[in-house]
Amino acid sequence: MDHDGQLQLYAAVAGRLKEAHSRVRALQVPEGVRMALTRKLLVITAAAKHDLAGAARRLERFIADLDEGRFPEEDR
């Protein structure tokens, strides 16, 4: 991928991560579910440092799960 393409992908992933974090904060779910979702976003953020394209795919799956109302089980 050329440098401009990499920068565009980085900007797109950064924007989507910000959007996803805002959506998670706004959810009316138990705190344990919110924490699990936040941890998933942190893992995606960390992965973006090493595999930006892979992180973008994971983020899109995460957002699709949010859209469909598929949330992780609450930690106990």
PDB file of N, CA and C in Angstrom:
ATOM      1  N   MET A   1       0.851  -1.172   0.000  1.00  0.00           N
ATOM      2  CA  MET A   1       0.000   0.000   0.000  1.00  0.00           C
ATOM      3  C   MET A   1       0.896   1.234   0.000  1.00  0.00           C
ATOM      4  N   ASP A   2       0.550   2.223  -0.824  1.00  0.00           N
ATOM      5  CA  ASP A   2       1.367   3.427  -0.868  1.00  0.00           C
ATOM      6  C   ASP A   2       1.158   4.259   0.397  1.00  0.00           C
ATOM      7  N   HIS A   3       2.029   5.219   0.574  1.00  0.00           N
ATOM      8  CA  HIS A   3       2.019   6.034   1.792  1.00  0.00           C
ATOM      9  C   HIS A   3       0.696   6.776   1.966  1.00  0.00           C
ATOM     10  N   ASP A   4       0.178   7.379   0.893  1.00  0.00           N
ATOM     11  CA  ASP A   4      -1.095   8.109   0.985  1.00  0.00           C
ATOM     12  C   ASP A   4      -2.242   7.174   1.339  1.00  0.00           C
ATOM     13  N   GLY A   5      -2.249   5.988   0.765  1.00  0.00           N
ATOM     14  CA  GLY A   5      -3.286   5.010   1.071  1.00  0.00           C
ATOM     15  C   GLY A   5      -3.229   4.577   2.522  1.00  0.00           C
ATOM     16  N   GLN A   6      -2.031   4.409   3.042  1.00  0.00           N
ATOM     17  CA  GLN A   6      -1.847   4.026   4.441  1.00  0.00           C
ATOM     18  C   GLN A   6      -2.356   5.130   5.364  1.00  0.00           C
ATOM     19  N   LEU A   7      -2.045   6.379   5.022  1.00  0.00           N
ATOM     20  CA  LEU A   7      -2.512   7.502   5.839  1.00  0.00           C
ATOM     21  C   LEU A   7      -4.031   7.624   5.806  1.00  0.00           C
ATOM     22  N   GLN A   8      -4.622   7.395   4.646  1.00  0.00           N
ATOM     23  CA  GLN A   8      -6.082   7.453   4.530  1.00  0.00           C
ATOM     24  C   GLN A   8      -6.729   6.348   5.359  1.00  0.00           C
ATOM     25  N   LEU A   9      -6.153   5.139   5.297  1.00  0.00           N
ATOM     26  CA  LEU A   9      -6.692   4.031   6.087  1.00  0.00           C
ATOM     27  C   LEU A   9      -6.541   4.329   7.573  1.00  0.00           C
ATOM     28  N   TYR A  10      -5.406   4.862   7.967  1.00  0.00           N
ATOM     29  CA  TYR A  10      -5.190   5.216   9.371  1.00  0.00           C
ATOM     30  C   TYR A  10      -6.240   6.227   9.834  1.00  0.00           C
ATOM     31  N   ALA A  11      -6.473   7.256   9.032  1.00  0.00           N
ATOM     32  CA  ALA A  11      -7.464   8.277   9.385  1.00  0.00           C
ATOM     33  C   ALA A  11      -8.862   7.673   9.470  1.00  0.00           C
ATOM     34  N   ALA A  12      -9.187   6.779   8.550  1.00  0.00           N
ATOM     35  CA  ALA A  12     -10.504   6.138   8.562  1.00  0.00           C
ATOM     36  C   ALA A  12     -10.675   5.280   9.808  1.00  0.00           C
ATOM     37  N   VAL A  13      -9.655   4.486  10.144  1.00  0.00           N
ATOM     38  CA  VAL A  13      -9.729   3.629  11.332  1.00  0.00           C
ATOM     39  C   VAL A  13      -9.813   4.487  12.587  1.00  0.00           C
ATOM     40  N   ALA A  14      -9.033   5.544  12.660  1.00  0.00           N
ATOM     41  CA  ALA A  14      -9.069   6.420  13.833  1.00  0.00           C
ATOM     42  C   ALA A  14     -10.464   7.027  14.010  1.00  0.00           C
ATOM     43  N   GLY A  15     -11.059   7.478  12.937  1.00  0.00           N
ATOM     44  CA  GLY A  15     -12.401   8.046  13.009  1.00  0.00           C
ATOM     45  C   GLY A  15     -13.445   7.032  13.435  1.00  0.00           C
ATOM     46  N   ARG A  16     -13.341   5.818  12.883  1.00  0.00           N
ATOM     47  CA  ARG A  16     -14.294   4.760  13.233  1.00  0.00           C
ATOM     48  C   ARG A  16     -14.112   4.317  14.687  1.00  0.00           C
ATOM     49  N   LEU A  17     -12.862   4.269  15.169  1.00  0.00           N
ATOM     50  CA  LEU A  17     -12.624   3.927  16.571  1.00  0.00           C
ATOM     51  C   LEU A  17     -13.257   4.972  17.493  1.00  0.00           C
ATOM     52  N   LYS A  18     -13.103   6.230  17.142  1.00  0.00           N
ATOM     53  CA  LYS A  18     -13.701   7.300  17.942  1.00  0.00           C
ATOM     54  C   LYS A  18     -15.224   7.149  17.966  1.00  0.00           C
ATOM     55  N   GLU A  19     -15.802   6.890  16.813  1.00  0.00           N
ATOM     56  CA  GLU A  19     -17.245   6.681  16.708  1.00  0.00           C
ATOM     57  C   GLU A  19     -17.686   5.481  17.553  1.00  0.00           C
ATOM     58  N   ALA A  20     -16.933   4.385  17.461  1.00  0.00           N
ATOM     59  CA  ALA A  20     -17.283   3.167  18.204  1.00  0.00           C
ATOM     60  C   ALA A  20     -17.213   3.411  19.709  1.00  0.00           C
ATOM     61  N   HIS A  21     -16.187   4.118  20.168  1.00  0.00           N
ATOM     62  CA  HIS A  21     -16.077   4.423  21.594  1.00  0.00           C
ATOM     63  C   HIS A  21     -17.264   5.269  22.057  1.00  0.00           C
ATOM     64  N   SER A  22     -17.668   6.234  21.258  1.00  0.00           N
ATOM     65  CA  SER A  22     -18.823   7.069  21.611  1.00  0.00           C
ATOM     66  C   SER A  22     -20.095   6.237  21.696  1.00  0.00           C
ATOM     67  N   ARG A  23     -20.258   5.326  20.741  1.00  0.00           N
ATOM     68  CA  ARG A  23     -21.443   4.474  20.748  1.00  0.00           C
ATOM     69  C   ARG A  23     -21.476   3.576  21.975  1.00  0.00           C
ATOM     70  N   VAL A  24     -20.327   3.018  22.340  1.00  0.00           N
ATOM     71  CA  VAL A  24     -20.264   2.142  23.515  1.00  0.00           C
ATOM     72  C   VAL A  24     -20.606   2.936  24.775  1.00  0.00           C
ATOM     73  N   ARG A  25     -20.073   4.151  24.887  1.00  0.00           N
ATOM     74  CA  ARG A  25     -20.369   4.983  26.065  1.00  0.00           C
ATOM     75  C   ARG A  25     -21.862   5.276  26.180  1.00  0.00           C
ATOM     76  N   ALA A  26     -22.541   5.416  25.050  1.00  0.00           N
ATOM     77  CA  ALA A  26     -23.956   5.794  25.046  1.00  0.00           C
ATOM     78  C   ALA A  26     -24.904   4.611  25.252  1.00  0.00           C
ATOM     79  N   LEU A  27     -24.399   3.382  25.169  1.00  0.00           N
ATOM     80  CA  LEU A  27     -25.268   2.212  25.301  1.00  0.00           C
ATOM     81  C   LEU A  27     -25.874   2.112  26.700  1.00  0.00           C
ATOM     82  N   GLN A  28     -27.106   1.682  26.745  1.00  0.00           N
ATOM     83  CA  GLN A  28     -27.782   1.417  28.015  1.00  0.00           C
ATOM     84  C   GLN A  28     -27.639  -0.076  28.309  1.00  0.00           C
ATOM     85  N   VAL A  29     -26.472  -0.459  28.794  1.00  0.00           N
ATOM     86  CA  VAL A  29     -26.165  -1.858  29.103  1.00  0.00           C
ATOM     87  C   VAL A  29     -25.512  -1.911  30.479  1.00  0.00           C
ATOM     88  N   PRO A  30     -25.486  -3.086  31.105  1.00  0.00           N
ATOM     89  CA  PRO A  30     -24.781  -3.211  32.394  1.00  0.00           C
ATOM     90  C   PRO A  30     -23.310  -2.812  32.262  1.00  0.00           C
ATOM     91  N   GLU A  31     -22.756  -2.313  33.338  1.00  0.00           N
ATOM     92  CA  GLU A  31     -21.371  -1.834  33.316  1.00  0.00           C
ATOM     93  C   GLU A  31     -20.387  -2.920  32.887  1.00  0.00           C
ATOM     94  N   GLY A  32     -20.633  -4.170  33.266  1.00  0.00           N
ATOM     95  CA  GLY A  32     -19.744  -5.261  32.856  1.00  0.00           C
ATOM     96  C   GLY A  32     -19.720  -5.452  31.346  1.00  0.00           C
ATOM     97  N   VAL A  33     -20.854  -5.288  30.701  1.00  0.00           N
ATOM     98  CA  VAL A  33     -20.922  -5.396  29.239  1.00  0.00           C
ATOM     99  C   VAL A  33     -20.163  -4.232  28.612  1.00  0.00           C
ATOM    100  N   ARG A  34     -20.363  -3.032  29.142  1.00  0.00           N
ATOM    101  CA  ARG A  34     -19.650  -1.854  28.618  1.00  0.00           C
ATOM    102  C   ARG A  34     -18.137  -2.040  28.750  1.00  0.00           C
ATOM    103  N   MET A  35     -17.711  -2.585  29.889  1.00  0.00           N
ATOM    104  CA  MET A  35     -16.277  -2.820  30.086  1.00  0.00           C
ATOM    105  C   MET A  35     -15.745  -3.829  29.074  1.00  0.00           C
ATOM    106  N   ALA A  36     -16.506  -4.897  28.807  1.00  0.00           N
ATOM    107  CA  ALA A  36     -16.074  -5.909  27.841  1.00  0.00           C
ATOM    108  C   ALA A  36     -15.968  -5.302  26.449  1.00  0.00           C
ATOM    109  N   LEU A  37     -16.931  -4.469  26.080  1.00  0.00           N
ATOM    110  CA  LEU A  37     -16.890  -3.809  24.766  1.00  0.00           C
ATOM    111  C   LEU A  37     -15.698  -2.860  24.679  1.00  0.00           C
ATOM    112  N   THR A  38     -15.446  -2.125  25.751  1.00  0.00           N
ATOM    113  CA  THR A  38     -14.309  -1.201  25.767  1.00  0.00           C
ATOM    114  C   THR A  38     -12.996  -1.952  25.641  1.00  0.00           C
ATOM    115  N   ARG A  39     -12.887  -3.099  26.320  1.00  0.00           N
ATOM    116  CA  ARG A  39     -11.661  -3.910  26.192  1.00  0.00           C
ATOM    117  C   ARG A  39     -11.462  -4.360  24.753  1.00  0.00           C
ATOM    118  N   LYS A  40     -12.552  -4.771  24.088  1.00  0.00           N
ATOM    119  CA  LYS A  40     -12.435  -5.179  22.680  1.00  0.00           C
ATOM    120  C   LYS A  40     -11.921  -4.025  21.826  1.00  0.00           C
ATOM    121  N   LEU A  41     -12.426  -2.826  22.082  1.00  0.00           N
ATOM    122  CA  LEU A  41     -11.950  -1.668  21.321  1.00  0.00           C
ATOM    123  C   LEU A  41     -10.478  -1.375  21.607  1.00  0.00           C
ATOM    124  N   LEU A  42     -10.051  -1.552  22.836  1.00  0.00           N
ATOM    125  CA  LEU A  42      -8.641  -1.333  23.167  1.00  0.00           C
ATOM    126  C   LEU A  42      -7.742  -2.349  22.469  1.00  0.00           C
ATOM    127  N   VAL A  43      -8.218  -3.586  22.358  1.00  0.00           N
ATOM    128  CA  VAL A  43      -7.453  -4.612  21.637  1.00  0.00           C
ATOM    129  C   VAL A  43      -7.343  -4.238  20.156  1.00  0.00           C
ATOM    130  N   ILE A  44      -8.432  -3.770  19.578  1.00  0.00           N
ATOM    131  CA  ILE A  44      -8.412  -3.352  18.171  1.00  0.00           C
ATOM    132  C   ILE A  44      -7.456  -2.173  17.988  1.00  0.00           C
ATOM    133  N   THR A  45      -7.494  -1.224  18.927  1.00  0.00           N
ATOM    134  CA  THR A  45      -6.599  -0.071  18.861  1.00  0.00           C
ATOM    135  C   THR A  45      -5.142  -0.511  18.907  1.00  0.00           C
ATOM    136  N   ALA A  46      -4.815  -1.431  19.800  1.00  0.00           N
ATOM    137  CA  ALA A  46      -3.443  -1.930  19.900  1.00  0.00           C
ATOM    138  C   ALA A  46      -3.045  -2.679  18.633  1.00  0.00           C
ATOM    139  N   ALA A  47      -3.966  -3.450  18.072  1.00  0.00           N
ATOM    140  CA  ALA A  47      -3.661  -4.197  16.847  1.00  0.00           C
ATOM    141  C   ALA A  47      -3.383  -3.265  15.681  1.00  0.00           C
ATOM    142  N   ALA A  48      -4.016  -2.100  15.677  1.00  0.00           N
ATOM    143  CA  ALA A  48      -3.825  -1.148  14.577  1.00  0.00           C
ATOM    144  C   ALA A  48      -2.377  -0.677  14.475  1.00  0.00           C
ATOM    145  N   LYS A  49      -1.647  -0.740  15.568  1.00  0.00           N
ATOM    146  CA  LYS A  49      -0.246  -0.323  15.551  1.00  0.00           C
ATOM    147  C   LYS A  49       0.623  -1.289  14.755  1.00  0.00           C
ATOM    148  N   HIS A  50       0.175  -2.547  14.631  1.00  0.00           N
ATOM    149  CA  HIS A  50       0.987  -3.575  13.980  1.00  0.00           C
ATOM    150  C   HIS A  50       0.370  -4.089  12.682  1.00  0.00           C
ATOM    151  N   ASP A  51      -0.952  -4.040  12.601  1.00  0.00           N
ATOM    152  CA  ASP A  51      -1.664  -4.574  11.434  1.00  0.00           C
ATOM    153  C   ASP A  51      -2.896  -3.710  11.189  1.00  0.00           C
ATOM    154  N   LEU A  52      -2.691  -2.604  10.513  1.00  0.00           N
ATOM    155  CA  LEU A  52      -3.760  -1.633  10.320  1.00  0.00           C
ATOM    156  C   LEU A  52      -4.930  -2.217   9.534  1.00  0.00           C
ATOM    157  N   ALA A  53      -4.642  -2.940   8.477  1.00  0.00           N
ATOM    158  CA  ALA A  53      -5.716  -3.518   7.663  1.00  0.00           C
ATOM    159  C   ALA A  53      -6.510  -4.549   8.460  1.00  0.00           C
ATOM    160  N   GLY A  54      -5.828  -5.378   9.216  1.00  0.00           N
ATOM    161  CA  GLY A  54      -6.502  -6.368  10.047  1.00  0.00           C
ATOM    162  C   GLY A  54      -7.354  -5.703  11.122  1.00  0.00           C
ATOM    163  N   ALA A  55      -6.827  -4.648  11.718  1.00  0.00           N
ATOM    164  CA  ALA A  55      -7.583  -3.918  12.734  1.00  0.00           C
ATOM    165  C   ALA A  55      -8.828  -3.286  12.114  1.00  0.00           C
ATOM    166  N   ALA A  56      -8.716  -2.794  10.900  1.00  0.00           N
ATOM    167  CA  ALA A  56      -9.873  -2.203  10.217  1.00  0.00           C
ATOM    168  C   ALA A  56     -10.962  -3.255  10.015  1.00  0.00           C
ATOM    169  N   ARG A  57     -10.565  -4.464   9.638  1.00  0.00           N
ATOM    170  CA  ARG A  57     -11.550  -5.546   9.465  1.00  0.00           C
ATOM    171  C   ARG A  57     -12.204  -5.909  10.800  1.00  0.00           C
ATOM    172  N   ARG A  58     -11.401  -6.024  11.841  1.00  0.00           N
ATOM    173  CA  ARG A  58     -11.944  -6.349  13.167  1.00  0.00           C
ATOM    174  C   ARG A  58     -12.889  -5.265  13.653  1.00  0.00           C
ATOM    175  N   LEU A  59     -12.533  -4.011  13.393  1.00  0.00           N
ATOM    176  CA  LEU A  59     -13.378  -2.897  13.809  1.00  0.00           C
ATOM    177  C   LEU A  59     -14.717  -2.923  13.076  1.00  0.00           C
ATOM    178  N   GLU A  60     -14.704  -3.240  11.795  1.00  0.00           N
ATOM    179  CA  GLU A  60     -15.957  -3.318  11.043  1.00  0.00           C
ATOM    180  C   GLU A  60     -16.853  -4.441  11.579  1.00  0.00           C
ATOM    181  N   ARG A  61     -16.248  -5.578  11.948  1.00  0.00           N
ATOM    182  CA  ARG A  61     -17.031  -6.663  12.560  1.00  0.00           C
ATOM    183  C   ARG A  61     -17.597  -6.216  13.911  1.00  0.00           C
ATOM    184  N   PHE A  62     -16.788  -5.511  14.690  1.00  0.00           N
ATOM    185  CA  PHE A  62     -17.231  -5.011  15.988  1.00  0.00           C
ATOM    186  C   PHE A  62     -18.431  -4.077  15.814  1.00  0.00           C
ATOM    187  N   ILE A  63     -18.342  -3.149  14.876  1.00  0.00           N
ATOM    188  CA  ILE A  63     -19.431  -2.202  14.634  1.00  0.00           C
ATOM    189  C   ILE A  63     -20.666  -2.927  14.107  1.00  0.00           C
ATOM    190  N   ALA A  64     -20.470  -3.936  13.258  1.00  0.00           N
ATOM    191  CA  ALA A  64     -21.614  -4.722  12.779  1.00  0.00           C
ATOM    192  C   ALA A  64     -22.300  -5.423  13.947  1.00  0.00           C
ATOM    193  N   ASP A  65     -21.519  -5.949  14.890  1.00  0.00           N
ATOM    194  CA  ASP A  65     -22.097  -6.577  16.079  1.00  0.00           C
ATOM    195  C   ASP A  65     -22.893  -5.559  16.895  1.00  0.00           C
ATOM    196  N   LEU A  66     -22.369  -4.346  17.049  1.00  0.00           N
ATOM    197  CA  LEU A  66     -23.110  -3.297  17.751  1.00  0.00           C
ATOM    198  C   LEU A  66     -24.425  -3.004  17.041  1.00  0.00           C
ATOM    199  N   ASP A  67     -24.353  -2.883  15.720  1.00  0.00           N
ATOM    200  CA  ASP A  67     -25.549  -2.589  14.929  1.00  0.00           C
ATOM    201  C   ASP A  67     -26.615  -3.661  15.095  1.00  0.00           C
ATOM    202  N   GLU A  68     -26.177  -4.911  15.233  1.00  0.00           N
ATOM    203  CA  GLU A  68     -27.098  -6.043  15.360  1.00  0.00           C
ATOM    204  C   GLU A  68     -27.490  -6.319  16.813  1.00  0.00           C
ATOM    205  N   GLY A  69     -26.917  -5.568  17.745  1.00  0.00           N
ATOM    206  CA  GLY A  69     -27.241  -5.778  19.157  1.00  0.00           C
ATOM    207  C   GLY A  69     -26.590  -6.998  19.756  1.00  0.00           C
ATOM    208  N   ARG A  70     -25.503  -7.471  19.153  1.00  0.00           N
ATOM    209  CA  ARG A  70     -24.768  -8.622  19.686  1.00  0.00           C
ATOM    210  C   ARG A  70     -23.686  -8.103  20.635  1.00  0.00           C
ATOM    211  N   PHE A  71     -23.922  -8.308  21.921  1.00  0.00           N
ATOM    212  CA  PHE A  71     -22.996  -7.839  22.944  1.00  0.00           C
ATOM    213  C   PHE A  71     -22.419  -9.026  23.692  1.00  0.00           C
ATOM    214  N   PRO A  72     -21.213  -8.871  24.228  1.00  0.00           N
ATOM    215  CA  PRO A  72     -20.607  -9.960  25.020  1.00  0.00           C
ATOM    216  C   PRO A  72     -21.359 -10.153  26.327  1.00  0.00           C
ATOM    217  N   GLU A  73     -21.168 -11.310  26.908  1.00  0.00           N
ATOM    218  CA  GLU A  73     -21.746 -11.589  28.219  1.00  0.00           C
ATOM    219  C   GLU A  73     -21.111 -10.667  29.250  1.00  0.00           C
ATOM    220  N   GLU A  74     -21.869 -10.341  30.282  1.00  0.00           N
ATOM    221  CA  GLU A  74     -21.339  -9.504  31.354  1.00  0.00           C
ATOM    222  C   GLU A  74     -20.341 -10.320  32.164  1.00  0.00           C
ATOM    223  N   ASP A  75     -19.181  -9.697  32.459  1.00  0.00           N
ATOM    224  CA  ASP A  75     -18.190 -10.361  33.322  1.00  0.00           C
ATOM    225  C   ASP A  75     -18.731 -10.457  34.735  1.00  0.00           C
ATOM    226  N   ARG A  76     -18.372 -11.524  35.366  1.00  0.00           N
ATOM    227  CA  ARG A  76     -18.836 -11.721  36.748  1.00  0.00           C
ATOM    228  C   ARG A  76     -17.650 -11.725  37.678  1.00  0.00           C
TER     229      ARG A  76
END
